[in-house]
């Protein structure tokens, strides 16, 4: 199984999507000049995270359409695990490093 072929592109989309979201939120907070307030509304914040996740998973499914179902399941579980670690690293790294939202 070639993990790199099926998972590299979705992971890059996921990482760059989350990083872009963080940059936009941080920029909004800097523009308002009050970093402890909401940057973008929570509904928009979480909606974009869901959209980024769905797009990444769609690309993953497209990239692995020719694999047998057992390899798809293993690849998707591995992708979800890596995605969870990346998500926690980026989002909570942003929240804790900027000390927003009461942290």
N, C-alpha and C. Protein backbone atom coordinates (compact mmCIF):
# COMPACT_ATOMS: atom_id res chain seq x y z
N UNK A 1 0.85 -1.18 0.00
CA UNK A 1 0.00 0.00 0.00
C UNK A 1 0.89 1.24 0.00
N UNK A 2 0.60 2.15 -0.86
CA UNK A 2 1.36 3.39 -0.94
C UNK A 2 0.62 4.48 -0.18
N UNK A 3 0.97 4.64 1.08
CA UNK A 3 0.30 5.62 1.93
C UNK A 3 0.53 7.04 1.44
N UNK A 4 1.75 7.31 0.97
CA UNK A 4 2.08 8.65 0.53
C UNK A 4 1.19 9.12 -0.61
N UNK A 5 0.92 8.23 -1.54
CA UNK A 5 0.14 8.62 -2.72
C UNK A 5 -1.28 9.01 -2.35
N UNK A 6 -1.91 8.25 -1.49
CA UNK A 6 -3.31 8.49 -1.17
C UNK A 6 -3.54 9.53 -0.11
N UNK A 7 -2.55 9.74 0.76
CA UNK A 7 -2.78 10.59 1.93
C UNK A 7 -2.03 11.91 1.94
N UNK A 8 -1.03 12.06 1.13
CA UNK A 8 -0.25 13.30 1.16
C UNK A 8 -1.09 14.51 0.79
N UNK A 9 -1.80 14.42 -0.31
CA UNK A 9 -2.60 15.56 -0.76
C UNK A 9 -3.71 15.92 0.23
N UNK A 10 -4.49 14.96 0.75
CA UNK A 10 -5.50 15.33 1.74
C UNK A 10 -4.91 15.93 3.01
N UNK A 11 -3.77 15.42 3.45
CA UNK A 11 -3.14 15.97 4.65
C UNK A 11 -2.64 17.38 4.40
N UNK A 12 -2.09 17.63 3.23
CA UNK A 12 -1.65 18.99 2.92
C UNK A 12 -2.83 19.95 2.86
N UNK A 13 -3.93 19.52 2.27
CA UNK A 13 -5.13 20.35 2.23
C UNK A 13 -5.60 20.65 3.64
N UNK A 14 -5.62 19.63 4.49
CA UNK A 14 -6.07 19.78 5.87
C UNK A 14 -5.17 20.73 6.64
N UNK A 15 -3.86 20.52 6.55
CA UNK A 15 -2.91 21.36 7.29
C UNK A 15 -2.96 22.81 6.80
N UNK A 16 -2.89 23.02 5.50
CA UNK A 16 -2.90 24.38 4.99
C UNK A 16 -4.25 25.06 5.19
N UNK A 17 -5.32 24.28 5.15
CA UNK A 17 -6.64 24.84 5.44
C UNK A 17 -6.75 25.32 6.87
N UNK A 18 -6.30 24.50 7.82
CA UNK A 18 -6.33 24.91 9.22
C UNK A 18 -5.39 26.08 9.49
N UNK A 19 -4.20 26.03 8.91
CA UNK A 19 -3.27 27.15 9.09
C UNK A 19 -3.83 28.44 8.51
N UNK A 20 -4.50 28.36 7.36
CA UNK A 20 -5.13 29.54 6.77
C UNK A 20 -6.24 30.08 7.67
N UNK A 21 -7.01 29.19 8.24
CA UNK A 21 -8.08 29.58 9.15
C UNK A 21 -7.51 30.29 10.37
N UNK A 22 -6.43 29.76 10.92
CA UNK A 22 -5.78 30.38 12.07
C UNK A 22 -5.23 31.76 11.71
N UNK A 23 -4.61 31.88 10.55
CA UNK A 23 -4.06 33.16 10.11
C UNK A 23 -5.17 34.20 9.95
N UNK A 24 -6.28 33.81 9.35
CA UNK A 24 -7.40 34.74 9.17
C UNK A 24 -7.96 35.16 10.53
N UNK A 25 -8.16 34.21 11.43
CA UNK A 25 -8.68 34.54 12.75
C UNK A 25 -7.72 35.45 13.51
N UNK A 26 -6.45 35.14 13.46
CA UNK A 26 -5.45 35.98 14.13
C UNK A 26 -5.42 37.39 13.53
N UNK A 27 -5.52 37.46 12.21
CA UNK A 27 -5.52 38.77 11.54
C UNK A 27 -6.73 39.60 11.95
N UNK A 28 -7.87 38.96 12.06
CA UNK A 28 -9.08 39.68 12.50
C UNK A 28 -8.88 40.19 13.92
N UNK A 29 -8.33 39.36 14.78
CA UNK A 29 -8.09 39.78 16.17
C UNK A 29 -7.10 40.94 16.22
N UNK A 30 -6.07 40.93 15.39
CA UNK A 30 -5.10 42.02 15.38
C UNK A 30 -5.71 43.30 14.80
N UNK A 31 -6.57 43.14 13.81
CA UNK A 31 -7.22 44.30 13.20
C UNK A 31 -8.13 45.00 14.19
N UNK A 32 -8.84 44.22 14.99
CA UNK A 32 -9.74 44.78 16.01
C UNK A 32 -8.93 45.32 17.19
N UNK A 33 -7.69 44.86 17.33
CA UNK A 33 -6.75 45.25 18.38
C UNK A 33 -7.15 44.78 19.77
N UNK A 34 -8.03 43.80 19.84
CA UNK A 34 -8.37 43.19 21.11
C UNK A 34 -8.28 41.68 20.89
N UNK A 35 -7.19 41.08 21.34
CA UNK A 35 -6.96 39.67 21.03
C UNK A 35 -7.78 38.73 21.90
N UNK A 36 -8.39 39.23 22.97
CA UNK A 36 -9.16 38.35 23.85
C UNK A 36 -10.61 38.19 23.38
N UNK A 37 -11.04 38.96 22.40
CA UNK A 37 -12.40 38.84 21.89
C UNK A 37 -12.43 37.82 20.75
N UNK A 38 -13.62 37.55 20.28
CA UNK A 38 -13.76 36.62 19.16
C UNK A 38 -13.17 37.23 17.90
N UNK A 39 -12.42 36.43 17.18
CA UNK A 39 -11.92 36.88 15.88
C UNK A 39 -13.04 36.75 14.87
N UNK A 40 -13.31 35.54 14.48
CA UNK A 40 -14.46 35.28 13.62
C UNK A 40 -15.52 34.60 14.47
N UNK A 41 -16.77 34.74 14.09
CA UNK A 41 -17.84 34.10 14.88
C UNK A 41 -17.61 32.59 14.98
N UNK A 42 -18.02 32.02 16.11
CA UNK A 42 -17.79 30.60 16.35
C UNK A 42 -18.43 29.71 15.30
N UNK A 43 -19.60 30.11 14.82
CA UNK A 43 -20.28 29.32 13.79
C UNK A 43 -19.42 29.26 12.53
N UNK A 44 -18.85 30.37 12.15
CA UNK A 44 -17.99 30.42 10.97
C UNK A 44 -16.71 29.63 11.22
N UNK A 45 -16.13 29.80 12.41
CA UNK A 45 -14.90 29.11 12.79
C UNK A 45 -15.06 27.59 12.65
N UNK A 46 -16.12 27.06 13.26
CA UNK A 46 -16.32 25.62 13.21
C UNK A 46 -16.84 25.14 11.85
N UNK A 47 -17.60 25.97 11.15
CA UNK A 47 -18.08 25.60 9.82
C UNK A 47 -16.90 25.43 8.86
N UNK A 48 -15.94 26.34 8.94
CA UNK A 48 -14.76 26.22 8.07
C UNK A 48 -13.93 24.98 8.42
N UNK A 49 -13.85 24.65 9.69
CA UNK A 49 -13.13 23.44 10.07
C UNK A 49 -13.81 22.20 9.50
N UNK A 50 -15.13 22.19 9.53
CA UNK A 50 -15.88 21.06 8.97
C UNK A 50 -15.70 21.00 7.46
N UNK A 51 -15.77 22.14 6.80
CA UNK A 51 -15.59 22.19 5.35
C UNK A 51 -14.20 21.69 4.96
N UNK A 52 -13.18 22.14 5.67
CA UNK A 52 -11.81 21.71 5.39
C UNK A 52 -11.68 20.20 5.57
N UNK A 53 -12.30 19.67 6.62
CA UNK A 53 -12.24 18.23 6.88
C UNK A 53 -12.95 17.44 5.79
N UNK A 54 -14.12 17.90 5.38
CA UNK A 54 -14.89 17.20 4.35
C UNK A 54 -14.15 17.22 3.02
N UNK A 55 -13.59 18.35 2.65
CA UNK A 55 -12.84 18.45 1.40
C UNK A 55 -11.63 17.52 1.43
N UNK A 56 -10.92 17.50 2.55
CA UNK A 56 -9.76 16.61 2.68
C UNK A 56 -10.17 15.15 2.56
N UNK A 57 -11.26 14.77 3.22
CA UNK A 57 -11.70 13.39 3.16
C UNK A 57 -12.19 13.02 1.77
N UNK A 58 -12.84 13.97 1.07
CA UNK A 58 -13.28 13.72 -0.30
C UNK A 58 -12.08 13.46 -1.22
N UNK A 59 -11.04 14.26 -1.07
CA UNK A 59 -9.83 14.07 -1.87
C UNK A 59 -9.19 12.72 -1.55
N UNK A 60 -9.20 12.35 -0.28
CA UNK A 60 -8.68 11.05 0.12
C UNK A 60 -9.46 9.91 -0.55
N UNK A 61 -10.77 10.00 -0.53
CA UNK A 61 -11.61 8.97 -1.15
C UNK A 61 -11.33 8.89 -2.65
N UNK A 62 -11.19 10.05 -3.29
CA UNK A 62 -10.87 10.06 -4.72
C UNK A 62 -9.52 9.43 -5.00
N UNK A 63 -8.55 9.70 -4.14
CA UNK A 63 -7.19 9.17 -4.35
C UNK A 63 -7.10 7.67 -4.10
N UNK A 64 -7.98 7.12 -3.29
CA UNK A 64 -7.87 5.71 -2.92
C UNK A 64 -9.00 4.87 -3.50
N UNK A 65 -9.66 5.35 -4.54
CA UNK A 65 -10.81 4.61 -5.09
C UNK A 65 -10.43 3.25 -5.66
N UNK A 66 -9.19 3.06 -6.06
CA UNK A 66 -8.78 1.80 -6.68
C UNK A 66 -8.27 0.77 -5.66
N UNK A 67 -8.12 1.17 -4.42
CA UNK A 67 -7.62 0.24 -3.40
C UNK A 67 -8.71 -0.72 -2.96
N UNK A 68 -8.32 -1.89 -2.51
CA UNK A 68 -9.30 -2.81 -1.92
C UNK A 68 -9.86 -2.22 -0.62
N UNK A 69 -11.03 -2.68 -0.23
CA UNK A 69 -11.73 -2.10 0.92
C UNK A 69 -10.92 -2.22 2.21
N UNK A 70 -10.20 -3.30 2.40
CA UNK A 70 -9.41 -3.46 3.62
C UNK A 70 -8.31 -2.41 3.72
N UNK A 71 -7.66 -2.12 2.61
CA UNK A 71 -6.62 -1.10 2.60
C UNK A 71 -7.22 0.30 2.73
N UNK A 72 -8.42 0.50 2.19
CA UNK A 72 -9.09 1.79 2.37
C UNK A 72 -9.41 2.04 3.84
N UNK A 73 -9.87 1.00 4.52
CA UNK A 73 -10.21 1.15 5.93
C UNK A 73 -8.97 1.45 6.76
N UNK A 74 -7.91 0.71 6.52
CA UNK A 74 -6.66 0.94 7.25
C UNK A 74 -6.11 2.34 6.95
N UNK A 75 -6.14 2.73 5.70
CA UNK A 75 -5.65 4.05 5.31
C UNK A 75 -6.50 5.16 5.92
N UNK A 76 -7.81 4.97 5.93
CA UNK A 76 -8.68 6.01 6.47
C UNK A 76 -8.52 6.14 7.98
N UNK A 77 -8.33 5.01 8.68
CA UNK A 77 -8.09 5.08 10.12
C UNK A 77 -6.76 5.77 10.42
N UNK A 78 -5.75 5.46 9.64
CA UNK A 78 -4.45 6.12 9.81
C UNK A 78 -4.55 7.61 9.52
N UNK A 79 -5.28 7.95 8.47
CA UNK A 79 -5.48 9.36 8.12
C UNK A 79 -6.24 10.09 9.23
N UNK A 80 -7.26 9.46 9.79
CA UNK A 80 -8.01 10.09 10.88
C UNK A 80 -7.14 10.29 12.11
N UNK A 81 -6.29 9.34 12.42
CA UNK A 81 -5.39 9.48 13.56
C UNK A 81 -4.40 10.63 13.34
N UNK A 82 -3.80 10.66 12.18
CA UNK A 82 -2.85 11.74 11.87
C UNK A 82 -3.59 13.08 11.85
N UNK A 83 -4.79 13.10 11.28
CA UNK A 83 -5.58 14.33 11.24
C UNK A 83 -5.94 14.83 12.62
N UNK A 84 -6.25 13.93 13.54
CA UNK A 84 -6.57 14.34 14.91
C UNK A 84 -5.36 14.95 15.60
N UNK A 85 -4.20 14.35 15.39
CA UNK A 85 -2.98 14.89 15.99
C UNK A 85 -2.66 16.26 15.40
N UNK A 86 -2.79 16.38 14.10
CA UNK A 86 -2.53 17.66 13.43
C UNK A 86 -3.52 18.72 13.91
N UNK A 87 -4.79 18.34 14.00
CA UNK A 87 -5.83 19.27 14.46
C UNK A 87 -5.52 19.78 15.87
N UNK A 88 -5.24 18.85 16.77
CA UNK A 88 -4.94 19.26 18.14
C UNK A 88 -3.70 20.13 18.20
N UNK A 89 -2.70 19.79 17.41
CA UNK A 89 -1.48 20.59 17.40
C UNK A 89 -1.70 21.99 16.89
N UNK A 90 -2.41 22.13 15.80
CA UNK A 90 -2.60 23.46 15.20
C UNK A 90 -3.59 24.29 15.99
N UNK A 91 -4.77 23.76 16.24
CA UNK A 91 -5.82 24.56 16.87
C UNK A 91 -5.48 24.87 18.33
N UNK A 92 -5.12 23.85 19.09
CA UNK A 92 -4.81 24.11 20.49
C UNK A 92 -3.47 24.82 20.64
N UNK A 93 -2.56 24.62 19.73
CA UNK A 93 -1.33 25.41 19.73
C UNK A 93 -1.63 26.88 19.54
N UNK A 94 -2.54 27.18 18.64
CA UNK A 94 -2.95 28.57 18.40
C UNK A 94 -3.66 29.14 19.63
N UNK A 95 -4.59 28.41 20.18
CA UNK A 95 -5.36 28.89 21.32
C UNK A 95 -4.46 29.12 22.53
N UNK A 96 -3.60 28.17 22.83
CA UNK A 96 -2.74 28.31 24.01
C UNK A 96 -1.63 29.33 23.80
N UNK A 97 -1.08 29.40 22.60
CA UNK A 97 0.04 30.34 22.38
C UNK A 97 -0.43 31.79 22.37
N UNK A 98 -1.65 32.04 21.92
CA UNK A 98 -2.16 33.42 21.90
C UNK A 98 -2.97 33.74 23.15
N UNK A 99 -3.22 32.75 23.99
CA UNK A 99 -3.97 32.90 25.24
C UNK A 99 -5.35 33.51 25.01
N UNK A 100 -6.03 32.99 24.01
CA UNK A 100 -7.38 33.47 23.72
C UNK A 100 -8.41 32.53 24.35
N UNK A 101 -9.61 32.97 24.39
CA UNK A 101 -10.73 32.18 24.89
C UNK A 101 -10.52 31.70 26.32
N UNK A 102 -9.97 32.56 27.15
CA UNK A 102 -9.88 32.27 28.57
C UNK A 102 -8.71 31.42 28.99
N UNK A 103 -7.79 31.09 28.08
CA UNK A 103 -6.65 30.25 28.46
C UNK A 103 -5.46 31.12 28.81
